[in-house]
Amino acid sequence: TVVGTLESIADIVAQRGIEPPAVIVVGDVVKLHSLLHWFDPRSTSH
């Protein structure tokens, strides 16, 4: 998951090399990502 703004997100995605498939979410709810993220894709348990 990468986070930015409408003005910056395209550059951030290009810099990070993020490719499809991906879901894009626009809005103030994105602010909750830093607080509510729970899923660790690297975890052994997953």
All heavy atoms as atom14 arrays in JSON, in Angstrom:
{
  "sequence": "TVVGTLESIADIVAQRGIEPPAVIVVGDVVKLHSLLHWFDPRSTSH",
  "atom14_mask": [
    [1, 1, 1, 1, 1, 1, 1, 0, 0, 0, 0, 0, 0, 0],
    [1, 1, 1, 1, 1, 1, 1, 0, 0, 0, 0, 0, 0, 0],
    [1, 1, 1, 1, 1, 1, 1, 0, 0, 0, 0, 0, 0, 0],
    [1, 1, 1, 1, 0, 0, 0, 0, 0, 0, 0, 0, 0, 0],
    [1, 1, 1, 1, 1, 1, 1, 0, 0, 0, 0, 0, 0, 0],
    [1, 1, 1, 1, 1, 1, 1, 1, 0, 0, 0, 0, 0, 0],
    [1, 1, 1, 1, 1, 1, 1, 1, 1, 0, 0, 0, 0, 0],
    [1, 1, 1, 1, 1, 1, 0, 0, 0, 0, 0, 0, 0, 0],
    [1, 1, 1, 1, 1, 1, 1, 1, 0, 0, 0, 0, 0, 0],
    [1, 1, 1, 1, 1, 0, 0, 0, 0, 0, 0, 0, 0, 0],
    [1, 1, 1, 1, 1, 1, 1, 1, 0, 0, 0, 0, 0, 0],
    [1, 1, 1, 1, 1, 1, 1, 1, 0, 0, 0, 0, 0, 0],
    [1, 1, 1, 1, 1, 1, 1, 0, 0, 0, 0, 0, 0, 0],
    [1, 1, 1, 1, 1, 0, 0, 0, 0, 0, 0, 0, 0, 0],
    [1, 1, 1, 1, 1, 1, 1, 1, 1, 0, 0, 0, 0, 0],
    [1, 1, 1, 1, 1, 1, 1, 1, 1, 1, 1, 0, 0, 0],
    [1, 1, 1, 1, 0, 0, 0, 0, 0, 0, 0, 0, 0, 0],
    [1, 1, 1, 1, 1, 1, 1, 1, 0, 0, 0, 0, 0, 0],
    [1, 1, 1, 1, 1, 1, 1, 1, 1, 0, 0, 0, 0, 0],
    [1, 1, 1, 1, 1, 1, 1, 0, 0, 0, 0, 0, 0, 0],
    [1, 1, 1, 1, 1, 1, 1, 0, 0, 0, 0, 0, 0, 0],
    [1, 1, 1, 1, 1, 0, 0, 0, 0, 0, 0, 0, 0, 0],
    [1, 1, 1, 1, 1, 1, 1, 0, 0, 0, 0, 0, 0, 0],
    [1, 1, 1, 1, 1, 1, 1, 1, 0, 0, 0, 0, 0, 0],
    [1, 1, 1, 1, 1, 1, 1, 0, 0, 0, 0, 0, 0, 0],
    [1, 1, 1, 1, 1, 1, 1, 0, 0, 0, 0, 0, 0, 0],
    [1, 1, 1, 1, 0, 0, 0, 0, 0, 0, 0, 0, 0, 0],
    [1, 1, 1, 1, 1, 1, 1, 1, 0, 0, 0, 0, 0, 0],
    [1, 1, 1, 1, 1, 1, 1, 0, 0, 0, 0, 0, 0, 0],
    [1, 1, 1, 1, 1, 1, 1, 0, 0, 0, 0, 0, 0, 0],
    [1, 1, 1, 1, 1, 1, 1, 1, 1, 0, 0, 0, 0, 0],
    [1, 1, 1, 1, 1, 1, 1, 1, 0, 0, 0, 0, 0, 0],
    [1, 1, 1, 1, 1, 1, 1, 1, 1, 1, 0, 0, 0, 0],
    [1, 1, 1, 1, 1, 1, 0, 0, 0, 0, 0, 0, 0, 0],
    [1, 1, 1, 1, 1, 1, 1, 1, 0, 0, 0, 0, 0, 0],
    [1, 1, 1, 1, 1, 1, 1, 1, 0, 0, 0, 0, 0, 0],
    [1, 1, 1, 1, 1, 1, 1, 1, 1, 1, 0, 0, 0, 0],
    [1, 1, 1, 1, 1, 1, 1, 1, 1, 1, 1, 1, 1, 1],
    [1, 1, 1, 1, 1, 1, 1, 1, 1, 1, 1, 0, 0, 0],
    [1, 1, 1, 1, 1, 1, 1, 1, 0, 0, 0, 0, 0, 0],
    [1, 1, 1, 1, 1, 1, 1, 0, 0, 0, 0, 0, 0, 0],
    [1, 1, 1, 1, 1, 1, 1, 1, 1, 1, 1, 0, 0, 0],
    [1, 1, 1, 1, 1, 1, 0, 0, 0, 0, 0, 0, 0, 0],
    [1, 1, 1, 1, 1, 1, 1, 0, 0, 0, 0, 0, 0, 0],
    [1, 1, 1, 1, 1, 1, 0, 0, 0, 0, 0, 0, 0, 0],
    [1, 1, 1, 1, 1, 1, 1, 1, 1, 1, 0, 0, 0, 0]
  ],
  "atom14_positions": [
    [[0.84, -1.19, 0.0], [0.0, 0.0, 0.0], [0.87, 1.24, 0.0], [1.8, 1.35, 0.81], [-0.92, 0.03, 1.23], [-1.71, -1.16, 1.27], [-1.85, 1.24, 1.19], [0.0, 0.0, 0.0], [0.0, 0.0, 0.0], [0.0, 0.0, 0.0], [0.0, 0.0, 0.0], [0.0, 0.0, 0.0], [0.0, 0.0, 0.0], [0.0, 0.0, 0.0]],
    [[0.61, 2.15, -0.92], [1.29, 3.44, -0.93], [0.23, 4.54, -0.83], [-0.89, 4.4, -1.33], [2.14, 3.65, -2.2], [3.27, 2.64, -2.25], [1.3, 3.56, -3.46], [0.0, 0.0, 0.0], [0.0, 0.0, 0.0], [0.0, 0.0, 0.0], [0.0, 0.0, 0.0], [0.0, 0.0, 0.0], [0.0, 0.0, 0.0], [0.0, 0.0, 0.0]],
    [[0.59, 5.62, -0.15], [-0.36, 6.7, 0.12], [0.25, 8.02, -0.35], [1.45, 8.27, -0.19], [-0.68, 6.77, 1.63], [-1.55, 7.98, 1.94], [-1.37, 5.5, 2.08], [0.0, 0.0, 0.0], [0.0, 0.0, 0.0], [0.0, 0.0, 0.0], [0.0, 0.0, 0.0], [0.0, 0.0, 0.0], [0.0, 0.0, 0.0], [0.0, 0.0, 0.0]],
    [[-0.6, 8.87, -0.94], [-0.19, 10.2, -1.34], [-1.41, 11.09, -1.45], [-2.38, 10.91, -0.71], [0.0, 0.0, 0.0], [0.0, 0.0, 0.0], [0.0, 0.0, 0.0], [0.0, 0.0, 0.0], [0.0, 0.0, 0.0], [0.0, 0.0, 0.0], [0.0, 0.0, 0.0], [0.0, 0.0, 0.0], [0.0, 0.0, 0.0], [0.0, 0.0, 0.0]],
    [[-1.38, 12.01, -2.38], [-2.51, 12.9, -2.66], [-2.79, 12.85, -4.16], [-2.02, 12.28, -4.93], [-2.2, 14.34, -2.24], [-1.15, 14.86, -3.1], [-1.77, 14.43, -0.78], [0.0, 0.0, 0.0], [0.0, 0.0, 0.0], [0.0, 0.0, 0.0], [0.0, 0.0, 0.0], [0.0, 0.0, 0.0], [0.0, 0.0, 0.0], [0.0, 0.0, 0.0]],
    [[-3.88, 13.48, -4.56], [-4.17, 13.53, -5.99], [-3.03, 14.17, -6.77], [-2.76, 13.8, -7.92], [-5.47, 14.31, -6.23], [-6.78, 13.57, -5.93], [-7.97, 14.51, -6.08], [-6.95, 12.34, -6.82], [0.0, 0.0, 0.0], [0.0, 0.0, 0.0], [0.0, 0.0, 0.0], [0.0, 0.0, 0.0], [0.0, 0.0, 0.0], [0.0, 0.0, 0.0]],
    [[-2.34, 15.12, -6.16], [-1.25, 15.79, -6.85], [0.03, 14.97, -6.88], [0.86, 15.14, -7.77], [-0.97, 17.14, -6.18], [-2.09, 18.16, -6.36], [-1.84, 19.45, -5.61], [-1.1, 19.4, -4.6], [-2.37, 20.49, -6.02], [0.0, 0.0, 0.0], [0.0, 0.0, 0.0], [0.0, 0.0, 0.0], [0.0, 0.0, 0.0], [0.0, 0.0, 0.0]],
    [[0.2, 14.06, -5.91], [1.49, 13.37, -5.8], [1.46, 11.88, -6.09], [2.51, 11.27, -6.3], [2.04, 13.57, -4.38], [1.22, 12.91, -3.41], [0.0, 0.0, 0.0], [0.0, 0.0, 0.0], [0.0, 0.0, 0.0], [0.0, 0.0, 0.0], [0.0, 0.0, 0.0], [0.0, 0.0, 0.0], [0.0, 0.0, 0.0], [0.0, 0.0, 0.0]],
    [[0.28, 11.26, -6.09], [0.22, 9.8, -6.09], [0.83, 9.17, -7.34], [1.5, 8.12, -7.25], [-1.24, 9.3, -5.9], [-1.26, 7.79, -5.61], [-2.1, 9.67, -7.1], [-0.57, 7.38, -4.35], [0.0, 0.0, 0.0], [0.0, 0.0, 0.0], [0.0, 0.0, 0.0], [0.0, 0.0, 0.0], [0.0, 0.0, 0.0], [0.0, 0.0, 0.0]],
    [[0.67, 9.79, -8.51], [1.22, 9.2, -9.74], [2.74, 9.13, -9.67], [3.35, 8.13, -10.08], [0.76, 9.99, -10.95], [0.0, 0.0, 0.0], [0.0, 0.0, 0.0], [0.0, 0.0, 0.0], [0.0, 0.0, 0.0], [0.0, 0.0, 0.0], [0.0, 0.0, 0.0], [0.0, 0.0, 0.0], [0.0, 0.0, 0.0], [0.0, 0.0, 0.0]],
    [[3.38, 10.18, -9.15], [4.84, 10.19, -9.02], [5.29, 9.17, -7.99], [6.3, 8.47, -8.19], [5.33, 11.59, -8.63], [5.19, 12.59, -9.76], [5.19, 12.18, -10.93], [5.06, 13.8, -9.46], [0.0, 0.0, 0.0], [0.0, 0.0, 0.0], [0.0, 0.0, 0.0], [0.0, 0.0, 0.0], [0.0, 0.0, 0.0], [0.0, 0.0, 0.0]],
    [[4.57, 9.06, -6.88], [4.94, 8.1, -5.83], [4.85, 6.68, -6.37], [5.75, 5.85, -6.14], [4.03, 8.27, -4.6], [4.3, 9.63, -3.93], [4.24, 7.13, -3.61], [3.31, 9.97, -2.83], [0.0, 0.0, 0.0], [0.0, 0.0, 0.0], [0.0, 0.0, 0.0], [0.0, 0.0, 0.0], [0.0, 0.0, 0.0], [0.0, 0.0, 0.0]],
    [[3.77, 6.37, -7.07], [3.6, 5.03, -7.64], [4.71, 4.72, -8.64], [5.26, 3.61, -8.65], [2.22, 4.91, -8.3], [2.15, 3.7, -9.22], [1.13, 4.82, -7.24], [0.0, 0.0, 0.0], [0.0, 0.0, 0.0], [0.0, 0.0, 0.0], [0.0, 0.0, 0.0], [0.0, 0.0, 0.0], [0.0, 0.0, 0.0], [0.0, 0.0, 0.0]],
    [[5.08, 5.7, -9.46], [6.16, 5.5, -10.44], [7.49, 5.26, -9.74], [8.27, 4.37, -10.14], [6.25, 6.71, -11.36], [0.0, 0.0, 0.0], [0.0, 0.0, 0.0], [0.0, 0.0, 0.0], [0.0, 0.0, 0.0], [0.0, 0.0, 0.0], [0.0, 0.0, 0.0], [0.0, 0.0, 0.0], [0.0, 0.0, 0.0], [0.0, 0.0, 0.0]],
    [[7.76, 6.02, -8.69], [9.01, 5.87, -7.95], [9.11, 4.51, -7.26], [10.18, 3.91, -7.19], [9.15, 6.99, -6.92], [9.37, 8.37, -7.52], [9.14, 9.5, -6.53], [8.9, 9.26, -5.34], [9.21, 10.73, -7.0], [0.0, 0.0, 0.0], [0.0, 0.0, 0.0], [0.0, 0.0, 0.0], [0.0, 0.0, 0.0], [0.0, 0.0, 0.0]],
    [[7.98, 4.03, -6.76], [7.96, 2.75, -6.04], [7.85, 1.55, -6.99], [7.98, 0.41, -6.55], [6.8, 2.74, -5.05], [6.94, 3.76, -3.92], [7.93, 3.29, -2.88], [7.45, 2.1, -2.19], [6.67, 2.13, -1.11], [6.29, 3.3, -0.59], [6.29, 1.02, -0.53], [0.0, 0.0, 0.0], [0.0, 0.0, 0.0], [0.0, 0.0, 0.0]],
    [[7.55, 1.82, -8.26], [7.42, 0.73, -9.22], [6.19, -0.13, -9.01], [6.2, -1.32, -9.32], [0.0, 0.0, 0.0], [0.0, 0.0, 0.0], [0.0, 0.0, 0.0], [0.0, 0.0, 0.0], [0.0, 0.0, 0.0], [0.0, 0.0, 0.0], [0.0, 0.0, 0.0], [0.0, 0.0, 0.0], [0.0, 0.0, 0.0], [0.0, 0.0, 0.0]],
    [[5.12, 0.47, -8.5], [3.88, -0.27, -8.27], [3.19, -0.54, -9.61], [2.99, 0.37, -10.41], [2.93, 0.5, -7.34], [3.63, 0.87, -6.03], [1.67, -0.31, -7.07], [4.05, -0.31, -5.2], [0.0, 0.0, 0.0], [0.0, 0.0, 0.0], [0.0, 0.0, 0.0], [0.0, 0.0, 0.0], [0.0, 0.0, 0.0], [0.0, 0.0, 0.0]],
    [[2.8, -1.78, -9.82], [2.17, -2.17, -11.08], [0.8, -2.77, -10.82], [0.46, -3.11, -9.68], [3.06, -3.18, -11.82], [4.42, -2.61, -12.23], [5.25, -3.61, -13.01], [4.86, -4.81, -13.04], [6.27, -3.21, -13.58], [0.0, 0.0, 0.0], [0.0, 0.0, 0.0], [0.0, 0.0, 0.0], [0.0, 0.0, 0.0], [0.0, 0.0, 0.0]],
    [[-0.02, -2.92, -11.86], [-1.3, -3.59, -11.7], [-1.09, -5.05, -11.29], [-0.01, -5.61, -11.56], [-1.93, -3.5, -13.09], [-1.16, -2.43, -13.8], [0.22, -2.46, -13.24], [0.0, 0.0, 0.0], [0.0, 0.0, 0.0], [0.0, 0.0, 0.0], [0.0, 0.0, 0.0], [0.0, 0.0, 0.0], [0.0, 0.0, 0.0], [0.0, 0.0, 0.0]],
    [[-2.09, -5.66, -10.65], [-3.4, -5.1, -10.31], [-3.35, -4.3, -9.01], [-2.57, -4.61, -8.12], [-4.27, -6.35, -10.13], [-3.29, -7.39, -9.63], [-2.0, -7.1, -10.33], [0.0, 0.0, 0.0], [0.0, 0.0, 0.0], [0.0, 0.0, 0.0], [0.0, 0.0, 0.0], [0.0, 0.0, 0.0], [0.0, 0.0, 0.0], [0.0, 0.0, 0.0]],
    [[-4.16, -3.28, -8.95], [-4.22, -2.46, -7.76], [-5.57, -1.77, -7.7], [-6.21, -1.52, -8.72], [-3.11, -1.42, -7.75], [0.0, 0.0, 0.0], [0.0, 0.0, 0.0], [0.0, 0.0, 0.0], [0.0, 0.0, 0.0], [0.0, 0.0, 0.0], [0.0, 0.0, 0.0], [0.0, 0.0, 0.0], [0.0, 0.0, 0.0], [0.0, 0.0, 0.0]],
    [[-5.99, -1.46, -6.48], [-7.22, -0.7, -6.24], [-6.81, 0.69, -5.77], [-5.95, 0.83, -4.9], [-8.09, -1.4, -5.18], [-9.3, -0.53, -4.81], [-8.56, -2.76, -5.69], [0.0, 0.0, 0.0], [0.0, 0.0, 0.0], [0.0, 0.0, 0.0], [0.0, 0.0, 0.0], [0.0, 0.0, 0.0], [0.0, 0.0, 0.0], [0.0, 0.0, 0.0]],
    [[-7.43, 1.71, -6.35], [-7.15, 3.1, -6.01], [-8.3, 3.63, -5.16], [-9.46, 3.48, -5.53], [-6.99, 3.95, -7.29], [-5.9, 3.36, -8.19], [-6.68, 5.41, -6.94], [-5.94, 3.88, -9.62], [0.0, 0.0, 0.0], [0.0, 0.0, 0.0], [0.0, 0.0, 0.0], [0.0, 0.0, 0.0], [0.0, 0.0, 0.0], [0.0, 0.0, 0.0]],
    [[-7.96, 4.24, -4.04], [-8.97, 4.79, -3.13], [-8.69, 6.28, -2.95], [-7.58, 6.67, -2.6], [-8.95, 4.09, -1.76], [-10.09, 4.61, -0.89], [-9.03, 2.58, -1.91], [0.0, 0.0, 0.0], [0.0, 0.0, 0.0], [0.0, 0.0, 0.0], [0.0, 0.0, 0.0], [0.0, 0.0, 0.0], [0.0, 0.0, 0.0], [0.0, 0.0, 0.0]],
    [[-9.72, 7.09, -3.2], [-9.59, 8.55, -3.11], [-10.55, 9.05, -2.04], [-11.76, 8.76, -2.1], [-9.92, 9.23, -4.45], [-9.79, 10.75, -4.35], [-9.02, 8.68, -5.57], [0.0, 0.0, 0.0], [0.0, 0.0, 0.0], [0.0, 0.0, 0.0], [0.0, 0.0, 0.0], [0.0, 0.0, 0.0], [0.0, 0.0, 0.0], [0.0, 0.0, 0.0]],
    [[-10.05, 9.8, -1.07], [-10.94, 10.39, -0.07], [-10.31, 10.45, 1.31], [-9.25, 9.88, 1.57], [0.0, 0.0, 0.0], [0.0, 0.0, 0.0], [0.0, 0.0, 0.0], [0.0, 0.0, 0.0], [0.0, 0.0, 0.0], [0.0, 0.0, 0.0], [0.0, 0.0, 0.0], [0.0, 0.0, 0.0], [0.0, 0.0, 0.0], [0.0, 0.0, 0.0]],
    [[-11.0, 11.13, 2.21], [-10.47, 11.35, 3.55], [-10.32, 10.07, 4.35], [-9.54, 10.02, 5.31], [-11.37, 12.34, 4.31], [-11.21, 13.77, 3.82], [-10.17, 14.07, 3.19], [-12.11, 14.59, 4.08], [0.0, 0.0, 0.0], [0.0, 0.0, 0.0], [0.0, 0.0, 0.0], [0.0, 0.0, 0.0], [0.0, 0.0, 0.0], [0.0, 0.0, 0.0]],
    [[-11.04, 9.01, 3.98], [-10.91, 7.75, 4.73], [-9.5, 7.18, 4.63], [-9.09, 6.39, 5.49], [-11.94, 6.69, 4.25], [-13.35, 7.12, 4.61], [-11.8, 6.44, 2.74], [0.0, 0.0, 0.0], [0.0, 0.0, 0.0], [0.0, 0.0, 0.0], [0.0, 0.0, 0.0], [0.0, 0.0, 0.0], [0.0, 0.0, 0.0], [0.0, 0.0, 0.0]],
    [[-8.76, 7.59, 3.6], [-7.38, 7.11, 3.44], [-6.52, 7.52, 4.65], [-5.54, 6.84, 4.98], [-6.78, 7.63, 2.12], [-5.28, 7.31, 2.02], [-7.53, 7.0, 0.93], [0.0, 0.0, 0.0], [0.0, 0.0, 0.0], [0.0, 0.0, 0.0], [0.0, 0.0, 0.0], [0.0, 0.0, 0.0], [0.0, 0.0, 0.0], [0.0, 0.0, 0.0]],
    [[-6.89, 8.61, 5.32], [-6.13, 9.06, 6.49], [-6.09, 8.0, 7.58], [-5.19, 8.0, 8.43], [-6.74, 10.34, 7.04], [-6.71, 11.53, 6.1], [-7.45, 12.72, 6.72], [-7.48, 13.91, 5.79], [-8.26, 15.05, 6.36], [0.0, 0.0, 0.0], [0.0, 0.0, 0.0], [0.0, 0.0, 0.0], [0.0, 0.0, 0.0], [0.0, 0.0, 0.0]],
    [[-7.05, 7.09, 7.59], [-7.13, 6.08, 8.64], [-6.17, 4.91, 8.4], [-5.99, 4.07, 9.28], [-8.56, 5.56, 8.76], [-9.59, 6.59, 9.22], [-10.99, 6.0, 9.17], [-9.26, 7.06, 10.63], [0.0, 0.0, 0.0], [0.0, 0.0, 0.0], [0.0, 0.0, 0.0], [0.0, 0.0, 0.0], [0.0, 0.0, 0.0], [0.0, 0.0, 0.0]],
    [[-5.56, 4.86, 7.23], [-4.65, 3.74, 6.92], [-3.53, 3.63, 7.96], [-3.24, 2.53, 8.44], [-4.05, 3.93, 5.53], [-2.83, 3.08, 5.27], [-2.89, 1.72, 5.15], [-1.52, 3.43, 5.15], [-1.66, 1.24, 4.95], [-0.81, 2.26, 4.94], [0.0, 0.0, 0.0], [0.0, 0.0, 0.0], [0.0, 0.0, 0.0], [0.0, 0.0, 0.0]],
    [[-2.91, 4.74, 8.31], [-1.78, 4.68, 9.24], [-2.2, 4.23, 10.63], [-1.4, 3.67, 11.38], [-1.11, 6.06, 9.32], [-2.03, 7.03, 9.79], [0.0, 0.0, 0.0], [0.0, 0.0, 0.0], [0.0, 0.0, 0.0], [0.0, 0.0, 0.0], [0.0, 0.0, 0.0], [0.0, 0.0, 0.0], [0.0, 0.0, 0.0], [0.0, 0.0, 0.0]],
    [[-3.46, 4.43, 10.98], [-3.96, 4.05, 12.29], [-4.53, 2.63, 12.31], [-4.33, 1.89, 13.28], [-5.05, 5.04, 12.73], [-5.77, 4.74, 14.05], [-4.79, 4.87, 15.21], [-6.95, 5.7, 14.22], [0.0, 0.0, 0.0], [0.0, 0.0, 0.0], [0.0, 0.0, 0.0], [0.0, 0.0, 0.0], [0.0, 0.0, 0.0], [0.0, 0.0, 0.0]],
    [[-5.22, 2.24, 11.24], [-6.0, 1.0, 11.26], [-5.37, -0.16, 10.49], [-5.93, -1.25, 10.49], [-7.4, 1.26, 10.7], [-8.25, 2.3, 11.44], [-9.62, 2.42, 10.79], [-8.37, 1.96, 12.91], [0.0, 0.0, 0.0], [0.0, 0.0, 0.0], [0.0, 0.0, 0.0], [0.0, 0.0, 0.0], [0.0, 0.0, 0.0], [0.0, 0.0, 0.0]],
    [[-4.23, 0.07, 9.82], [-3.68, -1.06, 9.05], [-3.33, -2.21, 10.0], [-2.75, -2.01, 11.06], [-2.46, -0.63, 8.24], [-1.24, -0.32, 9.06], [-1.06, 0.88, 9.68], [-0.16, -1.08, 9.37], [0.09, 0.87, 10.34], [0.65, -0.31, 10.17], [0.0, 0.0, 0.0], [0.0, 0.0, 0.0], [0.0, 0.0, 0.0], [0.0, 0.0, 0.0]],
    [[-3.73, -3.39, 9.6], [-3.62, -4.57, 10.47], [-2.98, -5.77, 9.78], [-2.46, -6.66, 10.43], [-5.01, -4.99, 10.95], [-5.95, -5.32, 9.81], [-6.74, -4.45, 9.13], [-6.13, -6.6, 9.19], [-7.43, -5.1, 8.13], [-7.07, -6.42, 8.15], [-5.61, -7.87, 9.43], [-7.49, -7.47, 7.33], [-6.02, -8.92, 8.61], [-6.96, -8.71, 7.57]],
    [[-3.01, -5.77, 8.47], [-2.58, -6.95, 7.71], [-1.1, -6.84, 7.37], [-0.68, -5.88, 6.72], [-3.43, -7.06, 6.44], [-2.98, -8.15, 5.5], [-3.01, -9.47, 5.88], [-2.55, -7.84, 4.22], [-2.6, -10.48, 5.01], [-2.15, -8.83, 3.34], [-2.17, -10.15, 3.73], [0.0, 0.0, 0.0], [0.0, 0.0, 0.0], [0.0, 0.0, 0.0]],
    [[-0.33, -7.82, 7.81], [1.1, -7.88, 7.48], [1.31, -9.01, 6.47], [1.3, -10.19, 6.84], [1.93, -8.14, 8.74], [3.42, -8.18, 8.44], [3.8, -7.99, 7.27], [4.2, -8.42, 9.38], [0.0, 0.0, 0.0], [0.0, 0.0, 0.0], [0.0, 0.0, 0.0], [0.0, 0.0, 0.0], [0.0, 0.0, 0.0], [0.0, 0.0, 0.0]],
    [[1.49, -8.67, 5.2], [1.61, -9.72, 4.19], [2.85, -10.58, 4.37], [2.94, -11.67, 3.79], [1.67, -8.93, 2.87], [2.12, -7.57, 3.25], [1.57, -7.32, 4.63], [0.0, 0.0, 0.0], [0.0, 0.0, 0.0], [0.0, 0.0, 0.0], [0.0, 0.0, 0.0], [0.0, 0.0, 0.0], [0.0, 0.0, 0.0], [0.0, 0.0, 0.0]],
    [[3.81, -10.12, 5.17], [5.04, -10.9, 5.37], [4.92, -11.89, 6.52], [5.84, -12.67, 6.77], [6.21, -9.94, 5.65], [6.48, -8.96, 4.51], [7.34, -7.82, 4.99], [6.66, -7.07, 6.05], [7.19, -6.02, 6.66], [8.39, -5.6, 6.33], [6.52, -5.38, 7.6], [0.0, 0.0, 0.0], [0.0, 0.0, 0.0], [0.0, 0.0, 0.0]],
    [[3.82, -11.84, 7.25], [3.71, -12.64, 8.46], [3.62, -14.13, 8.14], [2.95, -14.55, 7.2], [2.48, -12.22, 9.27], [1.3, -12.59, 8.61], [0.0, 0.0, 0.0], [0.0, 0.0, 0.0], [0.0, 0.0, 0.0], [0.0, 0.0, 0.0], [0.0, 0.0, 0.0], [0.0, 0.0, 0.0], [0.0, 0.0, 0.0], [0.0, 0.0, 0.0]],
    [[4.28, -14.93, 8.95], [4.23, -16.38, 8.79], [2.82, -16.9, 8.97], [2.38, -17.81, 8.28], [5.16, -17.05, 9.81], [6.49, -16.55, 9.61], [5.16, -18.56, 9.63], [0.0, 0.0, 0.0], [0.0, 0.0, 0.0], [0.0, 0.0, 0.0], [0.0, 0.0, 0.0], [0.0, 0.0, 0.0], [0.0, 0.0, 0.0], [0.0, 0.0, 0.0]],
    [[2.09, -16.27, 9.92], [0.74, -16.74, 10.21], [-0.15, -16.62, 8.99], [-0.96, -17.5, 8.72], [0.14, -15.95, 11.37], [0.05, -14.57, 11.05], [0.0, 0.0, 0.0], [0.0, 0.0, 0.0], [0.0, 0.0, 0.0], [0.0, 0.0, 0.0], [0.0, 0.0, 0.0], [0.0, 0.0, 0.0], [0.0, 0.0, 0.0], [0.0, 0.0, 0.0]],
    [[0.03, -15.54, 8.2], [-0.81, -15.41, 7.0], [-0.41, -16.43, 5.95], [-1.27, -17.02, 5.3], [-0.7, -14.0, 6.42], [-1.53, -13.85, 5.17], [-1.0, -13.94, 3.91], [-2.86, -13.66, 4.99], [-1.96, -13.79, 3.01], [-3.09, -13.63, 3.63], [0.0, 0.0, 0.0], [0.0, 0.0, 0.0], [0.0, 0.0, 0.0], [0.0, 0.0, 0.0]]
  ]
}
